[in-house]
Amino acid sequence: MVLERERLHEMVAELSTRPGHEKVRALVYGLLVDGLGASSLDVDFERPVPEVRGRMDALLGQTVFEFKRDLRRERNDAEEELARYLTDRERQTGLRFVGIATDGADFAPYELRRGKLVRLPGFTTREHGSELLAWLDAAVSIQGDLVPTAELVRRARAGERSVRAGSWAARVLLGGSWTAPRRAVAASTVGGPAQSRVWQERR
């Protein structure tokens, strides 16, 4: 399914209002599947994590999502939960994972460094709503880490959407907040063949 620009704008506008846990989950699911071409079968909701006595709100590849009603009040809870889930996933799989906490208005990515949860440059929907899909495309980790080589950093600076800086390595090296690649917001429709091809290349 191709996500038309008008529908994308409606979804982003609703997310910016902090519409609540279940609505945020449904809208983010739509962006991942219809906007970025992820397979619905790959999006795992409410996955139990018995080792830490909890359930991940959503898991896609190597990205754990934690949905909240209002991150301004629930950020500590989100960080505590992501720290447990990322630690468990990395211990169980030997792979690096990214965590994203969101209430729709704010998207806060995290990763573990030396056993501690570290917050990475995030995204504010109200300020940069038109770039949300591009941000998710860069943020969601569905493959193993890429070593942040000079070539990777060069490509990240050039705004190549095919660059996966697993766990945001290149973004962190570049520093600063998110800036969407120009090509990511230029098309009249999103989720079409080009984006689906990029997604498949990353799997």
Foldseek 3Di string as FASTA:
>chain_A
DWFFPVNLVVLLVCLQVLVFQVSVLVSVLCLVCRFQPDDPVQKDAQCDDVVVGGTFRIDHAQETEAEGSDCVPCVVVQQVVVLVVQVSVCVVPVFWHKYWYGSSQKIWIWTDDPSHIDIDAIDGCVVPVLCVSQVCLQRHANAGADPCDPVLLVVVVQQDSLRHRDVCVSVVVVDDHDDHRPVQRPDRIGSDDVSNVSVVVRD
